[in-house]
PDB file of N, CA and C in Angstrom:
ATOM      1  N   TYR A   1       6.483   5.876  -0.250  1.00  0.00           N
ATOM      2  CA  TYR A   1       5.952   7.139   0.202  1.00  0.00           C
ATOM      3  C   TYR A   1       4.687   6.887   0.995  1.00  0.00           C
ATOM      4  N   MET A   2       4.604   7.470   2.168  1.00  0.00           N
ATOM      5  CA  MET A   2       3.435   7.298   3.016  1.00  0.00           C
ATOM      6  C   MET A   2       2.385   8.355   2.677  1.00  0.00           C
ATOM      7  N   ASP A   3       1.143   7.936   2.656  1.00  0.00           N
ATOM      8  CA  ASP A   3       0.020   8.842   2.456  1.00  0.00           C
ATOM      9  C   ASP A   3      -1.011   8.483   3.512  1.00  0.00           C
ATOM     10  N   THR A   4      -1.035   9.226   4.604  1.00  0.00           N
ATOM     11  CA  THR A   4      -1.920   8.879   5.712  1.00  0.00           C
ATOM     12  C   THR A   4      -3.385   9.108   5.363  1.00  0.00           C
ATOM     13  N   GLY A   5      -3.664   9.833   4.285  1.00  0.00           N
ATOM     14  CA  GLY A   5      -5.041  10.048   3.864  1.00  0.00           C
ATOM     15  C   GLY A   5      -5.506   9.016   2.855  1.00  0.00           C
ATOM     16  N   ALA A   6      -4.659   8.048   2.549  1.00  0.00           N
ATOM     17  CA  ALA A   6      -4.995   7.048   1.543  1.00  0.00           C
ATOM     18  C   ALA A   6      -6.066   6.098   2.058  1.00  0.00           C
ATOM     19  N   THR A   7      -6.900   5.631   1.150  1.00  0.00           N
ATOM     20  CA  THR A   7      -7.916   4.641   1.495  1.00  0.00           C
ATOM     21  C   THR A   7      -7.279   3.279   1.733  1.00  0.00           C
ATOM     22  N   SER A   8      -6.250   2.942   0.934  1.00  0.00           N
ATOM     23  CA  SER A   8      -5.553   1.662   1.039  1.00  0.00           C
ATOM     24  C   SER A   8      -4.065   1.872   0.841  1.00  0.00           C
ATOM     25  N   HIS A   9      -3.280   1.017   1.463  1.00  0.00           N
ATOM     26  CA  HIS A   9      -1.848   0.990   1.196  1.00  0.00           C
ATOM     27  C   HIS A   9      -1.639   0.116  -0.026  1.00  0.00           C
ATOM     28  N   MET A  10      -0.647   0.450  -0.868  1.00  0.00           N
ATOM     29  CA  MET A  10      -0.442  -0.260  -2.128  1.00  0.00           C
ATOM     30  C   MET A  10       1.036  -0.440  -2.403  1.00  0.00           C
ATOM     31  N   THR A  11       1.370  -1.474  -3.176  1.00  0.00           N
ATOM     32  CA  THR A  11       2.726  -1.706  -3.635  1.00  0.00           C
ATOM     33  C   THR A  11       2.682  -2.305  -5.039  1.00  0.00           C
ATOM     34  N   SER A  12       3.718  -2.035  -5.824  1.00  0.00           N
ATOM     35  CA  SER A  12       3.804  -2.654  -7.144  1.00  0.00           C
ATOM     36  C   SER A  12       4.621  -3.941  -7.092  1.00  0.00           C
ATOM     37  N   SER A  13       5.301  -4.189  -5.968  1.00  0.00           N
ATOM     38  CA  SER A  13       6.175  -5.350  -5.853  1.00  0.00           C
ATOM     39  C   SER A  13       5.667  -6.345  -4.818  1.00  0.00           C
ATOM     40  N   GLN A  14       5.387  -7.554  -5.253  1.00  0.00           N
ATOM     41  CA  GLN A  14       4.941  -8.606  -4.332  1.00  0.00           C
ATOM     42  C   GLN A  14       6.033  -8.916  -3.310  1.00  0.00           C
ATOM     43  N   GLY A  15       7.307  -8.676  -3.684  1.00  0.00           N
ATOM     44  CA  GLY A  15       8.426  -8.934  -2.798  1.00  0.00           C
ATOM     45  C   GLY A  15       8.449  -8.059  -1.559  1.00  0.00           C
ATOM     46  N   ASN A  16       7.679  -6.979  -1.555  1.00  0.00           N
ATOM     47  CA  ASN A  16       7.593  -6.115  -0.371  1.00  0.00           C
ATOM     48  C   ASN A  16       6.704  -6.703   0.716  1.00  0.00           C
ATOM     49  N   LEU A  17       5.984  -7.772   0.397  1.00  0.00           N
ATOM     50  CA  LEU A  17       4.997  -8.325   1.318  1.00  0.00           C
ATOM     51  C   LEU A  17       5.526  -9.580   2.014  1.00  0.00           C
ATOM     52  N   LEU A  18       5.277  -9.687   3.321  1.00  0.00           N
ATOM     53  CA  LEU A  18       5.715 -10.846   4.104  1.00  0.00           C
ATOM     54  C   LEU A  18       4.788 -12.031   3.917  1.00  0.00           C
ATOM     55  N   SER A  19       3.530 -11.767   3.659  1.00  0.00           N
ATOM     56  CA  SER A  19       2.547 -12.811   3.362  1.00  0.00           C
ATOM     57  C   SER A  19       1.802 -12.359   2.115  1.00  0.00           C
ATOM     58  N   TYR A  20       1.182 -13.312   1.421  1.00  0.00           N
ATOM     59  CA  TYR A  20       0.506 -12.951   0.165  1.00  0.00           C
ATOM     60  C   TYR A  20      -0.730 -13.806  -0.036  1.00  0.00           C
ATOM     61  N   PHE A  21      -1.795 -13.150  -0.437  1.00  0.00           N
ATOM     62  CA  PHE A  21      -3.061 -13.809  -0.721  1.00  0.00           C
ATOM     63  C   PHE A  21      -3.495 -13.418  -2.129  1.00  0.00           C
ATOM     64  N   ASN A  22      -3.540 -14.387  -3.015  1.00  0.00           N
ATOM     65  CA  ASN A  22      -3.885 -14.158  -4.411  1.00  0.00           C
ATOM     66  C   ASN A  22      -5.368 -13.848  -4.541  1.00  0.00           C
ATOM     67  N   LEU A  23      -5.708 -12.895  -5.390  1.00  0.00           N
ATOM     68  CA  LEU A  23      -7.107 -12.561  -5.656  1.00  0.00           C
ATOM     69  C   LEU A  23      -7.430 -12.986  -7.088  1.00  0.00           C
ATOM     70  N   SER A  24      -7.675 -14.266  -7.289  1.00  0.00           N
ATOM     71  CA  SER A  24      -8.023 -14.744  -8.625  1.00  0.00           C
ATOM     72  C   SER A  24      -9.470 -14.379  -8.936  1.00  0.00           C
ATOM     73  N   ASN A  25      -9.757 -14.218 -10.210  1.00  0.00           N
ATOM     74  CA  ASN A  25     -11.096 -13.825 -10.672  1.00  0.00           C
ATOM     75  C   ASN A  25     -11.556 -12.544  -9.997  1.00  0.00           C
ATOM     76  N   ASN A  26     -10.636 -11.618  -9.880  1.00  0.00           N
ATOM     77  CA  ASN A  26     -10.902 -10.357  -9.203  1.00  0.00           C
ATOM     78  C   ASN A  26     -11.288  -9.297 -10.229  1.00  0.00           C
ATOM     79  N   ASN A  27     -12.389  -8.639 -10.011  1.00  0.00           N
ATOM     80  CA  ASN A  27     -12.820  -7.561 -10.911  1.00  0.00           C
ATOM     81  C   ASN A  27     -12.535  -6.185 -10.309  1.00  0.00           C
ATOM     82  N   ARG A  28     -11.818  -6.165  -9.170  1.00  0.00           N
ATOM     83  CA  ARG A  28     -11.529  -4.889  -8.518  1.00  0.00           C
ATOM     84  C   ARG A  28     -10.285  -4.258  -9.107  1.00  0.00           C
ATOM     85  N   GLY A  29     -10.212  -2.953  -9.017  1.00  0.00           N
ATOM     86  CA  GLY A  29      -9.050  -2.235  -9.496  1.00  0.00           C
ATOM     87  C   GLY A  29      -8.845  -0.968  -8.688  1.00  0.00           C
ATOM     88  N   ILE A  30      -7.698  -0.359  -8.895  1.00  0.00           N
ATOM     89  CA  ILE A  30      -7.371   0.909  -8.257  1.00  0.00           C
ATOM     90  C   ILE A  30      -7.626   1.998  -9.294  1.00  0.00           C
ATOM     91  N   ILE A  31      -8.498   2.922  -8.973  1.00  0.00           N
ATOM     92  CA  ILE A  31      -8.805   4.022  -9.887  1.00  0.00           C
ATOM     93  C   ILE A  31      -7.723   5.081  -9.735  1.00  0.00           C
ATOM     94  N   VAL A  32      -7.101   5.425 -10.848  1.00  0.00           N
ATOM     95  CA  VAL A  32      -6.036   6.422 -10.859  1.00  0.00           C
ATOM     96  C   VAL A  32      -6.420   7.554 -11.794  1.00  0.00           C
ATOM     97  N   ARG A  33      -5.459   8.405 -12.043  1.00  0.00           N
ATOM     98  CA  ARG A  33      -5.642   9.558 -12.910  1.00  0.00           C
ATOM     99  C   ARG A  33      -6.438   9.227 -14.162  1.00  0.00           C
ATOM    100  N   ASN A  34      -7.235  10.146 -14.624  1.00  0.00           N
ATOM    101  CA  ASN A  34      -8.063  10.010 -15.834  1.00  0.00           C
ATOM    102  C   ASN A  34      -9.042   8.843 -15.761  1.00  0.00           C
ATOM    103  N   ASN A  35      -9.393   8.435 -14.547  1.00  0.00           N
ATOM    104  CA  ASN A  35     -10.345   7.339 -14.304  1.00  0.00           C
ATOM    105  C   ASN A  35      -9.900   5.996 -14.862  1.00  0.00           C
ATOM    106  N   HIS A  36      -8.597   5.793 -15.085  1.00  0.00           N
ATOM    107  CA  HIS A  36      -8.081   4.494 -15.490  1.00  0.00           C
ATOM    108  C   HIS A  36      -8.087   3.567 -14.289  1.00  0.00           C
ATOM    109  N   SER A  37      -8.231   2.276 -14.531  1.00  0.00           N
ATOM    110  CA  SER A  37      -8.236   1.285 -13.470  1.00  0.00           C
ATOM    111  C   SER A  37      -7.026   0.366 -13.610  1.00  0.00           C
ATOM    112  N   ILE A  38      -6.296   0.175 -12.517  1.00  0.00           N
ATOM    113  CA  ILE A  38      -5.146  -0.734 -12.471  1.00  0.00           C
ATOM    114  C   ILE A  38      -5.589  -1.991 -11.726  1.00  0.00           C
ATOM    115  N   PRO A  39      -5.402  -3.181 -12.307  1.00  0.00           N
ATOM    116  CA  PRO A  39      -5.864  -4.399 -11.649  1.00  0.00           C
ATOM    117  C   PRO A  39      -5.085  -4.718 -10.365  1.00  0.00           C
ATOM    118  N   ILE A  40      -5.804  -5.255  -9.387  1.00  0.00           N
ATOM    119  CA  ILE A  40      -5.217  -5.716  -8.132  1.00  0.00           C
ATOM    120  C   ILE A  40      -5.031  -7.234  -8.255  1.00  0.00           C
ATOM    121  N   TYR A  41      -3.799  -7.715  -8.057  1.00  0.00           N
ATOM    122  CA  TYR A  41      -3.502  -9.143  -8.182  1.00  0.00           C
ATOM    123  C   TYR A  41      -3.657  -9.891  -6.865  1.00  0.00           C
ATOM    124  N   GLY A  42      -3.485  -9.182  -5.760  1.00  0.00           N
ATOM    125  CA  GLY A  42      -3.570  -9.814  -4.451  1.00  0.00           C
ATOM    126  C   GLY A  42      -3.322  -8.790  -3.367  1.00  0.00           C
ATOM    127  N   TYR A  43      -3.114  -9.279  -2.153  1.00  0.00           N
ATOM    128  CA  TYR A  43      -2.811  -8.400  -1.032  1.00  0.00           C
ATOM    129  C   TYR A  43      -1.976  -9.165  -0.016  1.00  0.00           C
ATOM    130  N   GLY A  44      -1.379  -8.433   0.888  1.00  0.00           N
ATOM    131  CA  GLY A  44      -0.558  -9.073   1.910  1.00  0.00           C
ATOM    132  C   GLY A  44      -0.276  -8.138   3.061  1.00  0.00           C
ATOM    133  N   HIS A  45       0.622  -8.596   3.928  1.00  0.00           N
ATOM    134  CA  HIS A  45       0.992  -7.843   5.122  1.00  0.00           C
ATOM    135  C   HIS A  45       2.490  -7.564   5.076  1.00  0.00           C
ATOM    136  N   THR A  46       2.896  -6.465   5.688  1.00  0.00           N
ATOM    137  CA  THR A  46       4.315  -6.116   5.742  1.00  0.00           C
ATOM    138  C   THR A  46       4.592  -5.287   6.978  1.00  0.00           C
ATOM    139  N   ASN A  47       5.859  -5.135   7.288  1.00  0.00           N
ATOM    140  CA  ASN A  47       6.300  -4.286   8.391  1.00  0.00           C
ATOM    141  C   ASN A  47       7.279  -3.256   7.847  1.00  0.00           C
ATOM    142  N   LEU A  48       7.128  -2.028   8.266  1.00  0.00           N
ATOM    143  CA  LEU A  48       8.094  -0.983   7.949  1.00  0.00           C
ATOM    144  C   LEU A  48       9.001  -0.829   9.157  1.00  0.00           C
ATOM    145  N   SER A  49      10.310  -0.763   8.918  1.00  0.00           N
ATOM    146  CA  SER A  49      11.260  -0.640  10.024  1.00  0.00           C
ATOM    147  C   SER A  49      12.113   0.603   9.843  1.00  0.00           C
ATOM    148  N   SER A  50      13.295   0.615  10.427  1.00  0.00           N
ATOM    149  CA  SER A  50      14.208   1.769  10.417  1.00  0.00           C
ATOM    150  C   SER A  50      14.266   2.411   9.057  1.00  0.00           C
ATOM    151  N   PRO A  51      14.406   3.710   9.011  1.00  0.00           N
ATOM    152  CA  PRO A  51      14.619   4.639  10.123  1.00  0.00           C
ATOM    153  C   PRO A  51      13.327   5.059  10.810  1.00  0.00           C
ATOM    154  N   ASN A  52      12.208   4.474  10.412  1.00  0.00           N
ATOM    155  CA  ASN A  52      10.919   4.798  11.027  1.00  0.00           C
ATOM    156  C   ASN A  52      10.678   3.908  12.231  1.00  0.00           C
ATOM    157  N   PRO A  53       9.811   4.324  13.146  1.00  0.00           N
ATOM    158  CA  PRO A  53       9.403   3.392  14.193  1.00  0.00           C
ATOM    159  C   PRO A  53       8.714   2.196  13.524  1.00  0.00           C
ATOM    160  N   PRO A  54       8.813   0.999  14.090  1.00  0.00           N
ATOM    161  CA  PRO A  54       8.173  -0.159  13.469  1.00  0.00           C
ATOM    162  C   PRO A  54       6.676   0.088  13.246  1.00  0.00           C
ATOM    163  N   LEU A  55       6.212  -0.297  12.072  1.00  0.00           N
ATOM    164  CA  LEU A  55       4.810  -0.101  11.706  1.00  0.00           C
ATOM    165  C   LEU A  55       4.348  -1.318  10.928  1.00  0.00           C
ATOM    166  N   SER A  56       3.270  -1.938  11.370  1.00  0.00           N
ATOM    167  CA  SER A  56       2.710  -3.105  10.700  1.00  0.00           C
ATOM    168  C   SER A  56       1.560  -2.666   9.801  1.00  0.00           C
ATOM    169  N   LEU A  57       1.639  -3.058   8.521  1.00  0.00           N
ATOM    170  CA  LEU A  57       0.575  -2.724   7.569  1.00  0.00           C
ATOM    171  C   LEU A  57      -0.118  -4.008   7.139  1.00  0.00           C
ATOM    172  N   LYS A  58      -1.420  -4.017   7.210  1.00  0.00           N
ATOM    173  CA  LYS A  58      -2.206  -5.181   6.811  1.00  0.00           C
ATOM    174  C   LYS A  58      -3.025  -4.838   5.580  1.00  0.00           C
ATOM    175  N   HIS A  59      -3.327  -5.839   4.791  1.00  0.00           N
ATOM    176  CA  HIS A  59      -4.152  -5.688   3.587  1.00  0.00           C
ATOM    177  C   HIS A  59      -3.561  -4.675   2.606  1.00  0.00           C
ATOM    178  N   VAL A  60      -2.246  -4.772   2.380  1.00  0.00           N
ATOM    179  CA  VAL A  60      -1.569  -3.922   1.395  1.00  0.00           C
ATOM    180  C   VAL A  60      -1.871  -4.492   0.012  1.00  0.00           C
ATOM    181  N   LEU A  61      -2.430  -3.690  -0.865  1.00  0.00           N
ATOM    182  CA  LEU A  61      -2.817  -4.153  -2.193  1.00  0.00           C
ATOM    183  C   LEU A  61      -1.606  -4.298  -3.099  1.00  0.00           C
ATOM    184  N   HIS A  62      -1.569  -5.376  -3.884  1.00  0.00           N
ATOM    185  CA  HIS A  62      -0.492  -5.614  -4.844  1.00  0.00           C
ATOM    186  C   HIS A  62      -1.020  -5.333  -6.247  1.00  0.00           C
ATOM    187  N   ALA A  63      -0.466  -4.302  -6.880  1.00  0.00           N
ATOM    188  CA  ALA A  63      -0.842  -3.906  -8.240  1.00  0.00           C
ATOM    189  C   ALA A  63       0.431  -3.688  -9.028  1.00  0.00           C
ATOM    190  N   PRO A  64       0.907  -4.694  -9.799  1.00  0.00           N
ATOM    191  CA  PRO A  64       2.174  -4.592 -10.509  1.00  0.00           C
ATOM    192  C   PRO A  64       2.272  -3.399 -11.457  1.00  0.00           C
ATOM    193  N   ASN A  65       1.156  -2.918 -11.971  1.00  0.00           N
ATOM    194  CA  ASN A  65       1.179  -1.804 -12.926  1.00  0.00           C
ATOM    195  C   ASN A  65       1.194  -0.433 -12.248  1.00  0.00           C
ATOM    196  N   LEU A  66       1.252  -0.410 -10.931  1.00  0.00           N
ATOM    197  CA  LEU A  66       1.267   0.839 -10.189  1.00  0.00           C
ATOM    198  C   LEU A  66       2.630   1.512 -10.348  1.00  0.00           C
ATOM    199  N   LEU A  67       2.625   2.761 -10.778  1.00  0.00           N
ATOM    200  CA  LEU A  67       3.854   3.518 -11.006  1.00  0.00           C
ATOM    201  C   LEU A  67       3.807   4.829 -10.261  1.00  0.00           C
ATOM    202  N   LYS A  68       4.961   5.276  -9.798  1.00  0.00           N
ATOM    203  CA  LYS A  68       5.096   6.599  -9.184  1.00  0.00           C
ATOM    204  C   LYS A  68       5.626   7.525 -10.270  1.00  0.00           C
ATOM    205  N   THR A  69       4.924   8.616 -10.525  1.00  0.00           N
ATOM    206  CA  THR A  69       5.379   9.571 -11.540  1.00  0.00           C
ATOM    207  C   THR A  69       5.616  10.925 -10.926  1.00  0.00           C
TER     208      THR A  69
END
Protein backbone atom coordinates (compact mmCIF):
# COMPACT_ATOMS: atom_id res chain seq x y z
CA TYR A 1 0.00 0.00 0.00
CA MET A 2 1.38 3.38 -0.99
CA ASP A 3 1.27 6.28 1.44
CA THR A 4 2.61 9.41 -0.24
CA GLY A 5 2.48 11.27 3.08
CA ALA A 6 4.73 8.74 4.78
CA THR A 7 8.06 9.83 6.22
CA SER A 8 9.70 6.55 5.11
CA HIS A 9 8.84 3.60 2.93
CA MET A 10 8.79 0.31 4.87
CA THR A 11 8.54 -3.44 4.31
CA SER A 12 8.32 -6.45 6.60
CA SER A 13 10.02 -8.71 4.04
CA GLN A 14 13.71 -8.44 3.20
CA GLY A 15 12.88 -10.37 0.01
CA ASN A 16 11.13 -7.28 -1.37
CA LEU A 17 14.46 -5.45 -1.55
CA LEU A 18 16.94 -5.65 -4.46
CA SER A 19 19.84 -4.54 -2.27
CA TYR A 20 20.21 -4.74 1.51
CA PHE A 21 22.26 -2.93 4.11
CA ASN A 22 22.23 -4.37 7.63
CA LEU A 23 21.87 -1.94 10.53
CA SER A 24 23.66 -3.73 13.35
CA ASN A 25 23.70 -2.12 16.79
CA ASN A 26 20.78 0.01 15.71
CA ASN A 27 18.73 1.76 18.38
CA ARG A 28 16.25 3.20 15.87
CA GLY A 29 12.69 2.02 15.55
CA ILE A 30 9.42 2.79 13.83
CA ILE A 31 6.91 4.37 16.20
CA VAL A 32 3.47 2.86 15.70
CA ARG A 33 0.12 2.88 17.43
CA ASN A 34 0.16 3.37 21.22
CA ASN A 35 3.75 4.68 20.98
CA HIS A 36 5.18 1.16 20.54
CA SER A 37 8.49 0.91 18.70
CA ILE A 38 9.24 -1.74 16.04
CA PRO A 39 12.96 -2.38 15.48
CA ILE A 40 14.52 -1.62 12.08
CA TYR A 41 16.90 -4.41 10.95
CA GLY A 42 18.20 -2.73 7.81
CA TYR A 43 17.25 -0.92 4.63
CA GLY A 44 17.48 -1.37 0.90
CA HIS A 45 16.33 -0.33 -2.54
CA THR A 46 13.56 -1.71 -4.73
CA ASN A 47 11.59 -1.02 -7.89
CA LEU A 48 7.83 -1.14 -8.24
CA SER A 49 6.62 -2.26 -11.67
CA SER A 50 3.35 -3.19 -13.42
CA PRO A 51 0.55 -2.39 -13.18
CA ASN A 52 2.06 0.87 -11.93
CA PRO A 53 4.51 3.01 -13.87
CA PRO A 54 8.06 2.00 -12.86
CA LEU A 55 9.04 3.60 -9.56
CA SER A 56 12.40 3.33 -7.80
CA LEU A 57 12.35 3.47 -3.99
CA LYS A 58 15.54 4.06 -2.04
CA HIS A 59 16.19 3.62 1.68
CA VAL A 60 13.17 1.36 2.25
CA LEU A 61 13.23 0.33 5.92
CA HIS A 62 13.12 -3.38 6.78
CA ALA A 63 11.12 -4.13 9.94
CA PRO A 64 10.11 -7.82 10.16
CA ASN A 65 7.57 -7.11 12.93
CA LEU A 66 5.66 -4.62 10.78
CA LEU A 67 2.06 -5.79 10.27
CA LYS A 68 -0.87 -4.43 8.29
CA THR A 69 -4.08 -4.55 10.33
